[in-house]
Structures are given as structure tokens and as C-alpha cells.
Amino acid sequence: MASNNYLPGLSHWKETTLSSENMSILISSVTNTVVSENFELGAYTNSGMLVGAGRFDDQGRCGIAVWGDDEFTDEVEGLTEGEAFSLKLWNGIELKDLNASTVSQGEGLVYSTNGFTMLDVSEAELMPEEFYLSQAYPNPFNSTMRVNYGLPVSSDITLSVYDATGRLVATLFNGNQSIGNHTVVWEASDIAAGIYLVRMQSGDGAHIRKVTLLK
């Protein structure tokens, strides 16, 4: 039978279910996020049950027990063998979803009784709500520039570069692109200086950005 596992020292999560089964996870870093000691980590089932929580240390690491279900009881105390779970970060202000970025030991965010996994995580990326093509950077540039773009759904797109006369200079991407935020690089070291147009053509229409190549 499950009991309440009180979590002293935590401000956001106060208690979680405690069972006779668990695994251990160690978060070794949160990529691109400066973590402080008041940050907390929570592990959740897909149904929203909290099955583990803990606090980060001053090195940006956090180790917690993730609780599993006791198969000999009728009550659901936690995760079942092989069940995926998710992680959330409490930064003192709001909750952030986390994704596994690098798994260095174990099977990642999958429950295994008495198992151990060590991984780096990153804040989950927000999906675009509409098609977009951002301003290129740097701009002006002298050899290489980057431009970010996003798709709210997987789509066939073409990313092309044209000169001021409308002549096609380069095709940066042509094909089916997955949902999300992406970056494309234009290497223009052998292209003459001038003003160019970066055009993204999709089912949503055309998006155009002007860039200046200097030599």
C-alpha cells in the first residue's frame, strides 16, 4: 500500500506517493539554463501523477527517486515497468517542461524498477503558432549568415536566395520539413557583394527577408 512521501525543503512540491518500488535518475545539467539552488525537479506520469521530486544543488545537478507501481495492490502508486514519464522544472516562478537532450547512462525517461539513468535535459521548445522567417543574422554579413524559420505543421517548403534582379542564387532547403523551429546557414564566400532576398515558400505563402552581403 502506498503512503505519503513528504518532501521537506521543497517549496513547490510538498509530497508525493511512496511505494515499495523505485528507480533513480540524475540530472547532470539543464542545457542553456542557469540553474540555482531554489530550482526544483518533478517527475510525472502521462496521467499527471507526481512520482518524484527534488531540489537542484549548487552545481546544477539533481538526483531523485522515481516511484513505481506496486503490482500486488489495487492502488496505482506510480509508474509501471517500461512506462515513459516526463520531467518539469520549477524555477521559483513557473513550471517548465523538460526534454531529455543527452542520455549518458540508462534508458532515459523510461521507468525500470531498481534502474538508474543519468542525463542532461533542456527546456522544451515552444512550437510555432504560425509560419515565420526571421531576420537574418548577422546582417550585413561578409561570408556566412543564418536565418531562423518555423512551421506550425510539417510542410513542403523551399528556402531560396535571389539577387536584386530576381535571379536564383542558391537553394538552402527544398523538401518536407518537420514541425518546429529550424535554422539554415548560407555560406556565401564565393558570391559577389550586394543585396539579396531570402525567400521561404510554403503552403502558407511566401516570406521574404532582405540581406546585405559585404566583401
N, C-alpha and C. Protein backbone atom coordinates (compact mmCIF):
# COMPACT_ATOMS: atom_id res chain seq x y z
N MET A 1 0.84 -1.19 0.00
CA MET A 1 0.00 0.00 0.00
C MET A 1 0.88 1.25 0.00
N ALA A 2 0.47 2.25 -0.76
CA ALA A 2 1.25 3.48 -0.86
C ALA A 2 1.05 4.33 0.38
N SER A 3 2.08 5.12 0.68
CA SER A 3 1.98 6.11 1.75
C SER A 3 2.45 7.44 1.19
N ASN A 4 2.22 8.50 1.96
CA ASN A 4 2.65 9.82 1.52
C ASN A 4 4.12 10.03 1.82
N ASN A 5 4.85 10.51 0.84
CA ASN A 5 6.26 10.81 0.99
C ASN A 5 6.40 12.33 1.05
N TYR A 6 6.56 12.88 2.25
CA TYR A 6 6.66 14.32 2.40
C TYR A 6 8.04 14.80 1.94
N LEU A 7 8.08 15.96 1.33
CA LEU A 7 9.28 16.47 0.69
C LEU A 7 9.77 17.72 1.40
N PRO A 8 10.48 17.57 2.51
CA PRO A 8 10.98 18.74 3.23
C PRO A 8 12.01 19.50 2.40
N GLY A 9 11.99 20.81 2.52
CA GLY A 9 12.96 21.63 1.79
C GLY A 9 12.52 22.06 0.42
N LEU A 10 11.38 21.54 -0.05
CA LEU A 10 10.87 21.94 -1.35
C LEU A 10 9.75 22.95 -1.17
N SER A 11 9.70 23.93 -2.06
CA SER A 11 8.68 24.97 -1.94
C SER A 11 7.48 24.72 -2.84
N HIS A 12 7.70 24.05 -3.98
CA HIS A 12 6.60 23.87 -4.93
C HIS A 12 5.89 22.54 -4.71
N TRP A 13 6.65 21.47 -4.62
CA TRP A 13 6.05 20.15 -4.38
C TRP A 13 6.20 19.79 -2.91
N LYS A 14 5.11 19.42 -2.28
CA LYS A 14 5.12 19.14 -0.84
C LYS A 14 5.18 17.66 -0.52
N GLU A 15 4.55 16.84 -1.35
CA GLU A 15 4.56 15.40 -1.08
C GLU A 15 4.28 14.64 -2.36
N THR A 16 4.70 13.40 -2.37
CA THR A 16 4.42 12.51 -3.48
C THR A 16 4.08 11.14 -2.92
N THR A 17 3.53 10.28 -3.75
CA THR A 17 3.22 8.93 -3.32
C THR A 17 4.51 8.13 -3.13
N LEU A 18 4.55 7.33 -2.10
CA LEU A 18 5.71 6.49 -1.80
C LEU A 18 5.29 5.03 -1.92
N SER A 19 6.03 4.24 -2.68
CA SER A 19 5.71 2.82 -2.82
C SER A 19 6.96 2.00 -2.52
N SER A 20 6.85 0.70 -2.70
CA SER A 20 7.98 -0.19 -2.43
C SER A 20 8.91 -0.32 -3.63
N GLU A 21 8.55 0.31 -4.76
CA GLU A 21 9.34 0.19 -5.99
C GLU A 21 9.81 1.57 -6.43
N ASN A 22 11.04 1.64 -6.94
CA ASN A 22 11.52 2.93 -7.47
C ASN A 22 12.74 2.73 -8.36
N MET A 23 13.09 3.78 -9.06
CA MET A 23 14.35 3.86 -9.80
C MET A 23 14.98 5.21 -9.47
N SER A 24 16.24 5.38 -9.83
CA SER A 24 16.94 6.63 -9.54
C SER A 24 17.30 7.34 -10.84
N ILE A 25 17.16 8.66 -10.85
CA ILE A 25 17.61 9.43 -12.00
C ILE A 25 18.50 10.57 -11.49
N LEU A 26 19.49 10.90 -12.31
CA LEU A 26 20.38 12.01 -12.00
C LEU A 26 20.40 12.95 -13.19
N ILE A 27 19.98 14.19 -12.96
CA ILE A 27 20.09 15.23 -13.97
C ILE A 27 21.44 15.90 -13.78
N SER A 28 22.32 15.75 -14.76
CA SER A 28 23.67 16.31 -14.62
C SER A 28 23.76 17.76 -15.06
N SER A 29 22.83 18.20 -15.91
CA SER A 29 22.80 19.62 -16.30
C SER A 29 21.49 19.92 -17.00
N VAL A 30 21.13 21.20 -17.00
CA VAL A 30 19.99 21.71 -17.77
C VAL A 30 20.59 22.62 -18.84
N THR A 31 20.58 22.16 -20.08
CA THR A 31 21.24 22.87 -21.16
C THR A 31 20.66 24.26 -21.37
N ASN A 32 21.54 25.24 -21.53
CA ASN A 32 21.18 26.63 -21.83
C ASN A 32 20.30 27.27 -20.76
N THR A 33 20.39 26.78 -19.54
CA THR A 33 19.63 27.36 -18.43
C THR A 33 20.56 27.48 -17.22
N VAL A 34 20.59 28.67 -16.62
CA VAL A 34 21.37 28.87 -15.41
C VAL A 34 20.51 28.42 -14.23
N VAL A 35 20.90 27.32 -13.61
CA VAL A 35 20.12 26.71 -12.54
C VAL A 35 20.64 27.18 -11.19
N SER A 36 19.74 27.57 -10.30
CA SER A 36 20.13 27.95 -8.95
C SER A 36 19.60 26.92 -7.96
N GLU A 37 20.00 27.05 -6.70
CA GLU A 37 19.66 26.05 -5.70
C GLU A 37 18.18 26.04 -5.33
N ASN A 38 17.42 27.08 -5.71
CA ASN A 38 15.99 27.06 -5.40
C ASN A 38 15.18 26.41 -6.52
N PHE A 39 15.84 25.94 -7.58
CA PHE A 39 15.14 25.25 -8.65
C PHE A 39 14.80 23.83 -8.20
N GLU A 40 13.63 23.35 -8.61
CA GLU A 40 13.18 22.02 -8.23
C GLU A 40 12.79 21.21 -9.46
N LEU A 41 12.83 19.89 -9.30
CA LEU A 41 12.53 18.97 -10.39
C LEU A 41 11.39 18.05 -9.98
N GLY A 42 10.42 17.86 -10.87
CA GLY A 42 9.33 16.94 -10.62
C GLY A 42 9.21 15.94 -11.75
N ALA A 43 8.89 14.68 -11.41
CA ALA A 43 8.67 13.63 -12.40
C ALA A 43 7.19 13.27 -12.41
N TYR A 44 6.61 13.14 -13.61
CA TYR A 44 5.17 12.91 -13.74
C TYR A 44 4.88 11.74 -14.67
N THR A 45 3.80 11.02 -14.34
CA THR A 45 3.25 10.05 -15.28
C THR A 45 2.50 10.81 -16.37
N ASN A 46 2.15 10.11 -17.45
CA ASN A 46 1.40 10.75 -18.52
C ASN A 46 0.00 11.16 -18.08
N SER A 47 -0.48 10.57 -16.99
CA SER A 47 -1.80 10.94 -16.47
C SER A 47 -1.72 12.10 -15.49
N GLY A 48 -0.51 12.59 -15.21
CA GLY A 48 -0.36 13.76 -14.35
C GLY A 48 -0.05 13.47 -12.90
N MET A 49 0.25 12.22 -12.55
CA MET A 49 0.60 11.90 -11.16
C MET A 49 2.07 12.25 -10.90
N LEU A 50 2.32 12.96 -9.81
CA LEU A 50 3.68 13.25 -9.39
C LEU A 50 4.29 11.99 -8.79
N VAL A 51 5.43 11.55 -9.33
CA VAL A 51 6.05 10.30 -8.86
C VAL A 51 7.49 10.52 -8.39
N GLY A 52 7.86 11.76 -8.15
CA GLY A 52 9.20 12.04 -7.64
C GLY A 52 9.49 13.52 -7.74
N ALA A 53 10.28 14.03 -6.80
CA ALA A 53 10.64 15.45 -6.82
C ALA A 53 11.90 15.67 -6.00
N GLY A 54 12.62 16.72 -6.32
CA GLY A 54 13.83 17.05 -5.57
C GLY A 54 14.32 18.44 -5.92
N ARG A 55 15.41 18.84 -5.28
CA ARG A 55 15.97 20.17 -5.46
C ARG A 55 17.35 20.07 -6.12
N PHE A 56 17.65 21.02 -6.98
CA PHE A 56 18.97 21.09 -7.61
C PHE A 56 20.02 21.56 -6.61
N ASP A 57 21.26 21.10 -6.80
CA ASP A 57 22.34 21.56 -5.94
C ASP A 57 23.05 22.75 -6.57
N ASP A 58 24.10 23.24 -5.92
CA ASP A 58 24.78 24.44 -6.42
C ASP A 58 25.63 24.17 -7.65
N GLN A 59 25.69 22.91 -8.10
CA GLN A 59 26.38 22.56 -9.33
C GLN A 59 25.42 22.34 -10.49
N GLY A 60 24.12 22.63 -10.25
CA GLY A 60 23.13 22.46 -11.30
C GLY A 60 22.72 21.02 -11.53
N ARG A 61 22.90 20.16 -10.52
CA ARG A 61 22.53 18.75 -10.64
C ARG A 61 21.37 18.42 -9.71
N CYS A 62 20.64 17.38 -10.05
CA CYS A 62 19.52 16.95 -9.20
C CYS A 62 19.33 15.45 -9.33
N GLY A 63 19.33 14.76 -8.20
CA GLY A 63 19.06 13.34 -8.18
C GLY A 63 17.78 13.05 -7.41
N ILE A 64 16.90 12.24 -7.97
CA ILE A 64 15.65 11.92 -7.29
C ILE A 64 15.31 10.44 -7.47
N ALA A 65 14.47 9.94 -6.58
CA ALA A 65 13.86 8.63 -6.75
C ALA A 65 12.55 8.82 -7.50
N VAL A 66 12.32 7.98 -8.49
CA VAL A 66 11.06 7.98 -9.23
C VAL A 66 10.32 6.71 -8.84
N TRP A 67 9.10 6.89 -8.33
CA TRP A 67 8.39 5.78 -7.70
C TRP A 67 7.57 4.98 -8.71
N GLY A 68 7.60 3.65 -8.51
CA GLY A 68 6.88 2.74 -9.38
C GLY A 68 5.63 2.19 -8.72
N ASP A 69 4.84 1.51 -9.52
CA ASP A 69 3.60 0.93 -9.03
C ASP A 69 3.88 -0.44 -8.39
N ASP A 70 3.20 -0.68 -7.29
CA ASP A 70 3.28 -1.99 -6.63
C ASP A 70 2.23 -2.88 -7.26
N GLU A 71 2.66 -3.89 -8.00
CA GLU A 71 1.72 -4.73 -8.75
C GLU A 71 0.86 -5.61 -7.85
N PHE A 72 1.20 -5.69 -6.57
CA PHE A 72 0.44 -6.54 -5.66
C PHE A 72 -0.68 -5.78 -4.95
N THR A 73 -0.91 -4.55 -5.30
CA THR A 73 -2.01 -3.77 -4.72
C THR A 73 -2.94 -3.31 -5.83
N ASP A 74 -4.17 -2.98 -5.46
CA ASP A 74 -5.13 -2.46 -6.43
C ASP A 74 -4.91 -0.98 -6.71
N GLU A 75 -4.23 -0.31 -5.80
CA GLU A 75 -3.99 1.12 -5.94
C GLU A 75 -2.85 1.37 -6.94
N VAL A 76 -2.97 2.45 -7.69
CA VAL A 76 -1.89 2.86 -8.60
C VAL A 76 -0.99 3.83 -7.85
N GLU A 77 0.21 3.37 -7.51
CA GLU A 77 1.13 4.19 -6.72
C GLU A 77 2.15 4.94 -7.56
N GLY A 78 2.34 4.50 -8.81
CA GLY A 78 3.38 5.12 -9.63
C GLY A 78 3.45 4.52 -11.01
N LEU A 79 4.65 4.47 -11.55
CA LEU A 79 4.88 4.03 -12.92
C LEU A 79 4.96 2.51 -13.02
N THR A 80 4.55 1.99 -14.16
CA THR A 80 4.70 0.56 -14.44
C THR A 80 5.98 0.34 -15.24
N GLU A 81 6.44 -0.89 -15.25
CA GLU A 81 7.68 -1.23 -15.95
C GLU A 81 7.59 -0.83 -17.43
N GLY A 82 8.60 -0.08 -17.90
CA GLY A 82 8.64 0.34 -19.29
C GLY A 82 7.81 1.56 -19.63
N GLU A 83 7.17 2.14 -18.62
CA GLU A 83 6.31 3.32 -18.87
C GLU A 83 7.17 4.59 -18.96
N ALA A 84 6.88 5.40 -19.96
CA ALA A 84 7.59 6.68 -20.10
C ALA A 84 7.05 7.69 -19.10
N PHE A 85 7.90 8.60 -18.67
CA PHE A 85 7.47 9.66 -17.78
C PHE A 85 8.10 10.97 -18.23
N SER A 86 7.63 12.06 -17.65
CA SER A 86 8.10 13.38 -18.06
C SER A 86 8.66 14.13 -16.86
N LEU A 87 9.43 15.17 -17.15
CA LEU A 87 10.05 15.99 -16.11
C LEU A 87 9.61 17.44 -16.25
N LYS A 88 9.46 18.10 -15.10
CA LYS A 88 9.13 19.52 -15.08
C LYS A 88 10.11 20.24 -14.16
N LEU A 89 10.44 21.46 -14.54
CA LEU A 89 11.36 22.31 -13.78
C LEU A 89 10.57 23.44 -13.14
N TRP A 90 10.72 23.61 -11.83
CA TRP A 90 10.15 24.76 -11.12
C TRP A 90 11.29 25.74 -10.85
N ASN A 91 11.19 26.94 -11.43
CA ASN A 91 12.27 27.92 -11.30
C ASN A 91 11.99 29.00 -10.26
N GLY A 92 11.00 28.75 -9.42
CA GLY A 92 10.62 29.73 -8.41
C GLY A 92 9.50 30.64 -8.85
N ILE A 93 9.21 30.62 -10.17
CA ILE A 93 8.16 31.47 -10.73
C ILE A 93 7.14 30.66 -11.51
N GLU A 94 7.63 29.75 -12.34
CA GLU A 94 6.73 28.98 -13.20
C GLU A 94 7.30 27.60 -13.47
N LEU A 95 6.41 26.71 -13.94
CA LEU A 95 6.81 25.37 -14.33
C LEU A 95 7.22 25.35 -15.80
N LYS A 96 8.29 24.62 -16.09
CA LYS A 96 8.76 24.46 -17.46
C LYS A 96 8.87 22.97 -17.77
N ASP A 97 8.36 22.55 -18.92
CA ASP A 97 8.54 21.18 -19.36
C ASP A 97 9.99 20.97 -19.78
N LEU A 98 10.52 19.78 -19.51
CA LEU A 98 11.89 19.44 -19.86
C LEU A 98 11.93 18.28 -20.84
N ASN A 99 12.90 18.33 -21.74
CA ASN A 99 13.16 17.23 -22.66
C ASN A 99 14.53 16.63 -22.36
N ALA A 100 14.67 15.34 -22.59
CA ALA A 100 15.99 14.71 -22.48
C ALA A 100 16.82 15.11 -23.68
N SER A 101 18.00 15.69 -23.45
CA SER A 101 18.85 16.10 -24.56
C SER A 101 19.99 15.11 -24.80
N THR A 102 20.61 14.63 -23.72
CA THR A 102 21.68 13.63 -23.84
C THR A 102 21.55 12.62 -22.70
N VAL A 103 21.41 11.36 -23.06
CA VAL A 103 21.35 10.29 -22.06
C VAL A 103 22.72 9.64 -21.99
N SER A 104 23.41 9.77 -20.86
CA SER A 104 24.76 9.22 -20.73
C SER A 104 24.78 7.86 -20.04
N GLN A 105 23.68 7.49 -19.40
CA GLN A 105 23.60 6.17 -18.77
C GLN A 105 22.14 5.80 -18.60
N GLY A 106 21.82 4.54 -18.83
CA GLY A 106 20.45 4.08 -18.67
C GLY A 106 19.61 4.31 -19.91
N GLU A 107 18.29 4.23 -19.72
CA GLU A 107 17.35 4.28 -20.84
C GLU A 107 16.61 5.61 -20.94
N GLY A 108 17.04 6.60 -20.20
CA GLY A 108 16.36 7.89 -20.28
C GLY A 108 15.09 7.92 -19.47
N LEU A 109 14.07 8.59 -19.99
CA LEU A 109 12.83 8.80 -19.24
C LEU A 109 11.85 7.64 -19.42
N VAL A 110 12.31 6.46 -19.07
CA VAL A 110 11.51 5.24 -19.12
C VAL A 110 11.72 4.51 -17.80
N TYR A 111 10.62 4.14 -17.14
CA TYR A 111 10.72 3.54 -15.81
C TYR A 111 11.24 2.10 -15.86
N SER A 112 12.19 1.81 -14.97
CA SER A 112 12.73 0.46 -14.80
C SER A 112 12.99 0.25 -13.31
N THR A 113 12.32 -0.71 -12.71
CA THR A 113 12.47 -0.95 -11.27
C THR A 113 13.93 -1.19 -10.90
N ASN A 114 14.40 -0.46 -9.89
CA ASN A 114 15.79 -0.51 -9.42
C ASN A 114 16.79 -0.03 -10.47
N GLY A 115 16.29 0.62 -11.51
CA GLY A 115 17.17 1.12 -12.56
C GLY A 115 17.80 2.45 -12.21
N PHE A 116 18.72 2.87 -13.06
CA PHE A 116 19.39 4.16 -12.89
C PHE A 116 19.60 4.78 -14.26
N THR A 117 19.33 6.07 -14.36
CA THR A 117 19.62 6.78 -15.60
C THR A 117 20.21 8.14 -15.27
N MET A 118 21.18 8.55 -16.07
CA MET A 118 21.80 9.87 -15.93
C MET A 118 21.68 10.58 -17.26
N LEU A 119 21.24 11.82 -17.23
CA LEU A 119 21.01 12.53 -18.47
C LEU A 119 21.11 14.04 -18.29
N ASP A 120 21.33 14.71 -19.41
CA ASP A 120 21.20 16.16 -19.48
C ASP A 120 19.81 16.45 -20.03
N VAL A 121 19.22 17.54 -19.60
CA VAL A 121 17.90 17.93 -20.07
C VAL A 121 17.94 19.36 -20.58
N SER A 122 16.90 19.75 -21.30
CA SER A 122 16.76 21.12 -21.76
C SER A 122 15.30 21.51 -21.68
N GLU A 123 15.05 22.80 -21.57
CA GLU A 123 13.67 23.26 -21.54
C GLU A 123 13.00 22.93 -22.87
N ALA A 124 11.77 22.45 -22.81
CA ALA A 124 11.04 22.08 -24.02
C ALA A 124 10.80 23.31 -24.88
N GLU A 125 11.02 23.12 -26.16
CA GLU A 125 10.88 24.21 -27.11
C GLU A 125 9.41 24.46 -27.41
N LEU A 126 9.02 25.73 -27.42
CA LEU A 126 7.66 26.08 -27.79
C LEU A 126 7.48 25.93 -29.29
N MET A 127 6.40 25.29 -29.69
CA MET A 127 6.14 25.11 -31.11
C MET A 127 5.57 26.39 -31.72
N PRO A 128 5.97 26.72 -32.94
CA PRO A 128 5.44 27.93 -33.58
C PRO A 128 3.93 27.84 -33.78
N GLU A 129 3.26 28.97 -33.64
CA GLU A 129 1.82 29.02 -33.88
C GLU A 129 1.51 29.38 -35.33
N GLU A 130 2.52 29.86 -36.06
CA GLU A 130 2.34 30.22 -37.46
C GLU A 130 3.68 30.09 -38.19
N PHE A 131 3.63 30.09 -39.52
CA PHE A 131 4.85 30.08 -40.31
C PHE A 131 5.59 31.40 -40.10
N TYR A 132 6.92 31.33 -39.98
CA TYR A 132 7.67 32.57 -39.88
C TYR A 132 9.06 32.40 -40.48
N LEU A 133 9.63 33.51 -40.93
CA LEU A 133 11.01 33.60 -41.39
C LEU A 133 11.60 34.81 -40.70
N SER A 134 12.59 34.59 -39.85
CA SER A 134 13.13 35.68 -39.05
C SER A 134 14.13 36.51 -39.85
N GLN A 135 14.55 37.64 -39.27
CA GLN A 135 15.62 38.42 -39.86
C GLN A 135 16.91 37.61 -39.83
N ALA A 136 17.69 37.73 -40.89
CA ALA A 136 18.97 37.03 -40.95
C ALA A 136 19.96 37.65 -39.98
N TYR A 137 20.93 36.86 -39.56
CA TYR A 137 21.98 37.38 -38.68
C TYR A 137 23.30 36.68 -39.01
N PRO A 138 24.42 37.41 -39.00
CA PRO A 138 24.43 38.88 -38.92
C PRO A 138 23.92 39.48 -40.23
N ASN A 139 23.55 40.70 -40.20
CA ASN A 139 23.06 41.39 -41.39
C ASN A 139 23.34 42.89 -41.24
N PRO A 140 24.31 43.42 -42.02
CA PRO A 140 25.05 42.82 -43.14
C PRO A 140 26.00 41.71 -42.68
N PHE A 141 26.45 40.89 -43.65
CA PHE A 141 27.41 39.82 -43.35
C PHE A 141 28.44 39.77 -44.47
N ASN A 142 29.57 39.10 -44.20
CA ASN A 142 30.62 39.07 -45.23
C ASN A 142 30.97 37.69 -45.75
N SER A 143 30.41 36.64 -45.18
CA SER A 143 30.65 35.30 -45.74
C SER A 143 29.54 34.32 -45.38
N THR A 144 29.14 34.31 -44.12
CA THR A 144 28.15 33.33 -43.66
C THR A 144 27.05 34.02 -42.87
N MET A 145 25.82 33.69 -43.18
CA MET A 145 24.69 34.21 -42.40
C MET A 145 23.76 33.06 -42.05
N ARG A 146 22.96 33.28 -41.01
CA ARG A 146 21.98 32.31 -40.56
C ARG A 146 20.61 32.95 -40.52
N VAL A 147 19.61 32.15 -40.74
CA VAL A 147 18.24 32.64 -40.63
C VAL A 147 17.39 31.55 -39.98
N ASN A 148 16.57 31.95 -39.02
CA ASN A 148 15.67 31.02 -38.34
C ASN A 148 14.30 31.04 -39.00
N TYR A 149 13.66 29.89 -39.01
CA TYR A 149 12.30 29.81 -39.54
C TYR A 149 11.53 28.76 -38.76
N GLY A 150 10.21 28.85 -38.82
CA GLY A 150 9.39 27.93 -38.06
C GLY A 150 8.14 27.52 -38.79
N LEU A 151 7.66 26.31 -38.47
CA LEU A 151 6.47 25.75 -39.09
C LEU A 151 5.55 25.21 -38.01
N PRO A 152 4.26 25.58 -38.03
CA PRO A 152 3.32 25.04 -37.05
C PRO A 152 2.88 23.62 -37.38
N VAL A 153 3.12 23.19 -38.62
CA VAL A 153 2.82 21.82 -39.06
C VAL A 153 3.92 21.39 -40.02
N SER A 154 4.12 20.10 -40.17
CA SER A 154 5.08 19.62 -41.16
C SER A 154 4.62 20.03 -42.55
N SER A 155 5.54 20.53 -43.35
CA SER A 155 5.15 21.10 -44.65
C SER A 155 6.28 20.95 -45.66
N ASP A 156 5.89 20.97 -46.94
CA ASP A 156 6.86 21.09 -48.02
C ASP A 156 7.22 22.56 -48.16
N ILE A 157 8.50 22.87 -48.05
CA ILE A 157 8.93 24.26 -48.16
C ILE A 157 10.16 24.35 -49.05
N THR A 158 10.38 25.55 -49.58
CA THR A 158 11.59 25.86 -50.32
C THR A 158 12.17 27.15 -49.77
N LEU A 159 13.44 27.10 -49.40
CA LEU A 159 14.16 28.28 -48.94
C LEU A 159 15.20 28.61 -50.00
N SER A 160 15.06 29.79 -50.61
CA SER A 160 15.93 30.16 -51.72
C SER A 160 16.48 31.56 -51.52
N VAL A 161 17.57 31.84 -52.23
CA VAL A 161 18.18 33.18 -52.21
C VAL A 161 18.18 33.72 -53.63
N TYR A 162 17.72 34.95 -53.79
CA TYR A 162 17.67 35.62 -55.09
C TYR A 162 18.47 36.91 -55.03
N ASP A 163 19.03 37.30 -56.19
CA ASP A 163 19.70 38.59 -56.22
C ASP A 163 18.69 39.68 -56.55
N ALA A 164 19.17 40.92 -56.68
CA ALA A 164 18.27 42.06 -56.86
C ALA A 164 17.52 42.01 -58.19
N THR A 165 18.01 41.22 -59.15
CA THR A 165 17.33 41.12 -60.45
C THR A 165 16.31 39.99 -60.47
N GLY A 166 16.21 39.22 -59.38
CA GLY A 166 15.29 38.10 -59.33
C GLY A 166 15.90 36.78 -59.76
N ARG A 167 17.20 36.75 -60.00
CA ARG A 167 17.88 35.52 -60.40
C ARG A 167 18.13 34.63 -59.18
N LEU A 168 17.83 33.35 -59.33
CA LEU A 168 18.07 32.39 -58.25
C LEU A 168 19.57 32.22 -58.05
N VAL A 169 20.03 32.44 -56.82
CA VAL A 169 21.46 32.33 -56.49
C VAL A 169 21.77 31.04 -55.74
N ALA A 170 20.88 30.66 -54.83
CA ALA A 170 21.12 29.46 -54.02
C ALA A 170 19.81 28.90 -53.51
N THR A 171 19.75 27.58 -53.38
CA THR A 171 18.62 26.91 -52.73
C THR A 171 19.13 26.35 -51.41
N LEU A 172 18.60 26.86 -50.31
CA LEU A 172 19.08 26.48 -48.98
C LEU A 172 18.37 25.24 -48.45
N PHE A 173 17.12 25.06 -48.84
CA PHE A 173 16.37 23.87 -48.42
C PHE A 173 15.22 23.68 -49.39
N ASN A 174 14.96 22.43 -49.76
CA ASN A 174 13.83 22.12 -50.63
C ASN A 174 13.34 20.72 -50.29
N GLY A 175 12.19 20.66 -49.64
CA GLY A 175 11.67 19.36 -49.26
C GLY A 175 10.67 19.48 -48.13
N ASN A 176 10.39 18.34 -47.50
CA ASN A 176 9.45 18.33 -46.39
C ASN A 176 10.19 18.61 -45.09
N GLN A 177 9.71 19.59 -44.35
CA GLN A 177 10.33 20.00 -43.10
C GLN A 177 9.39 19.71 -41.95
N SER A 178 9.94 19.24 -40.85
CA SER A 178 9.13 18.88 -39.69
C SER A 178 8.65 20.11 -38.94
N ILE A 179 7.61 19.94 -38.16
CA ILE A 179 7.10 21.00 -37.30
C ILE A 179 8.20 21.48 -36.36
N GLY A 180 8.19 22.77 -36.05
CA GLY A 180 9.15 23.29 -35.08
C GLY A 180 9.95 24.45 -35.60
N ASN A 181 10.99 24.79 -34.84
CA ASN A 181 11.88 25.90 -35.16
C ASN A 181 13.17 25.35 -35.76
N HIS A 182 13.65 25.99 -36.81
CA HIS A 182 14.81 25.49 -37.53
C HIS A 182 15.75 26.65 -37.88
N THR A 183 16.98 26.30 -38.22
CA THR A 183 17.97 27.29 -38.64
C THR A 183 18.65 26.80 -39.91
N VAL A 184 18.83 27.71 -40.86
CA VAL A 184 19.55 27.37 -42.08
C VAL A 184 20.72 28.33 -42.24
N VAL A 185 21.82 27.84 -42.80
CA VAL A 185 23.03 28.64 -42.97
C VAL A 185 23.29 28.85 -44.46
N TRP A 186 23.63 30.07 -44.83
CA TRP A 186 24.06 30.36 -46.20
C TRP A 186 25.53 30.70 -46.19
N GLU A 187 26.33 29.87 -46.84
CA GLU A 187 27.76 30.11 -47.00
C GLU A 187 27.96 30.82 -48.34
N ALA A 188 28.29 32.11 -48.29
CA ALA A 188 28.32 32.95 -49.49
C ALA A 188 29.70 33.52 -49.78
N SER A 189 30.75 32.80 -49.41
CA SER A 189 32.10 33.33 -49.59
C SER A 189 32.47 33.51 -51.06
N ASP A 190 31.82 32.75 -51.96
CA ASP A 190 32.12 32.87 -53.39
C ASP A 190 31.06 33.65 -54.15
N ILE A 191 30.22 34.38 -53.42
CA ILE A 191 29.15 35.17 -54.02
C ILE A 191 29.53 36.65 -53.99
N ALA A 192 29.19 37.38 -55.04
CA ALA A 192 29.52 38.80 -55.12
C ALA A 192 28.75 39.61 -54.09
N ALA A 193 29.36 40.70 -53.65
CA ALA A 193 28.69 41.60 -52.70
C ALA A 193 27.42 42.16 -53.33
N GLY A 194 26.44 42.45 -52.48
CA GLY A 194 25.20 43.02 -52.99
C GLY A 194 24.04 42.76 -52.04
N ILE A 195 22.87 43.13 -52.50
CA ILE A 195 21.64 42.91 -51.73
C ILE A 195 20.94 41.67 -52.27
N TYR A 196 20.52 40.80 -51.36
CA TYR A 196 19.88 39.55 -51.73
C TYR A 196 18.58 39.37 -50.95
N LEU A 197 17.71 38.55 -51.50
CA LEU A 197 16.43 38.25 -50.86
C LEU A 197 16.38 36.76 -50.50
N VAL A 198 16.12 36.49 -49.22
CA VAL A 198 15.91 35.12 -48.77
C VAL A 198 14.40 34.88 -48.76
N ARG A 199 13.96 33.87 -49.48
CA ARG A 199 12.52 33.62 -49.65
C ARG A 199 12.18 32.22 -49.15
N MET A 200 11.18 32.14 -48.29
CA MET A 200 10.64 30.85 -47.85
C MET A 200 9.26 30.68 -48.47
N GLN A 201 9.10 29.66 -49.29
CA GLN A 201 7.83 29.37 -49.93
C GLN A 201 7.23 28.12 -49.28
N SER A 202 6.00 28.25 -48.80
CA SER A 202 5.31 27.13 -48.17
C SER A 202 3.85 27.17 -48.56
N GLY A 203 3.08 26.23 -48.05
CA GLY A 203 1.65 26.24 -48.31
C GLY A 203 0.97 27.47 -47.75
N ASP A 204 1.62 28.12 -46.80
CA ASP A 204 1.10 29.33 -46.19
C ASP A 204 1.34 30.56 -47.05
N GLY A 205 2.21 30.44 -48.05
CA GLY A 205 2.57 31.58 -48.89
C GLY A 205 4.06 31.82 -48.85
N ALA A 206 4.46 33.04 -49.20
CA ALA A 206 5.87 33.39 -49.27
C ALA A 206 6.25 34.35 -48.15
N HIS A 207 7.43 34.14 -47.58
CA HIS A 207 8.01 35.04 -46.58
C HIS A 207 9.38 35.45 -47.09
N ILE A 208 9.68 36.74 -47.06
CA ILE A 208 10.91 37.25 -47.67
C ILE A 208 11.66 38.14 -46.69
N ARG A 209 12.99 37.97 -46.66
CA ARG A 209 13.87 38.82 -45.86
C ARG A 209 15.01 39.33 -46.74
N LYS A 210 15.36 40.60 -46.55
CA LYS A 210 16.45 41.20 -47.30
C LYS A 210 17.75 41.09 -46.52
N VAL A 211 18.83 40.71 -47.20
CA VAL A 211 20.15 40.62 -46.57
C VAL A 211 21.16 41.35 -47.43
N THR A 212 22.21 41.85 -46.78
CA THR A 212 23.27 42.57 -47.48
C THR A 212 24.58 41.84 -47.29
N LEU A 213 25.20 41.46 -48.42
CA LEU A 213 26.48 40.77 -48.39
C LEU A 213 27.59 41.78 -48.68
N LEU A 214 28.54 41.89 -47.76
CA LEU A 214 29.67 42.80 -47.91
C LEU A 214 30.93 42.01 -48.20
N LYS A 215 31.86 42.62 -48.87
CA LYS A 215 33.16 41.99 -49.16
C LYS A 215 34.29 42.90 -48.70
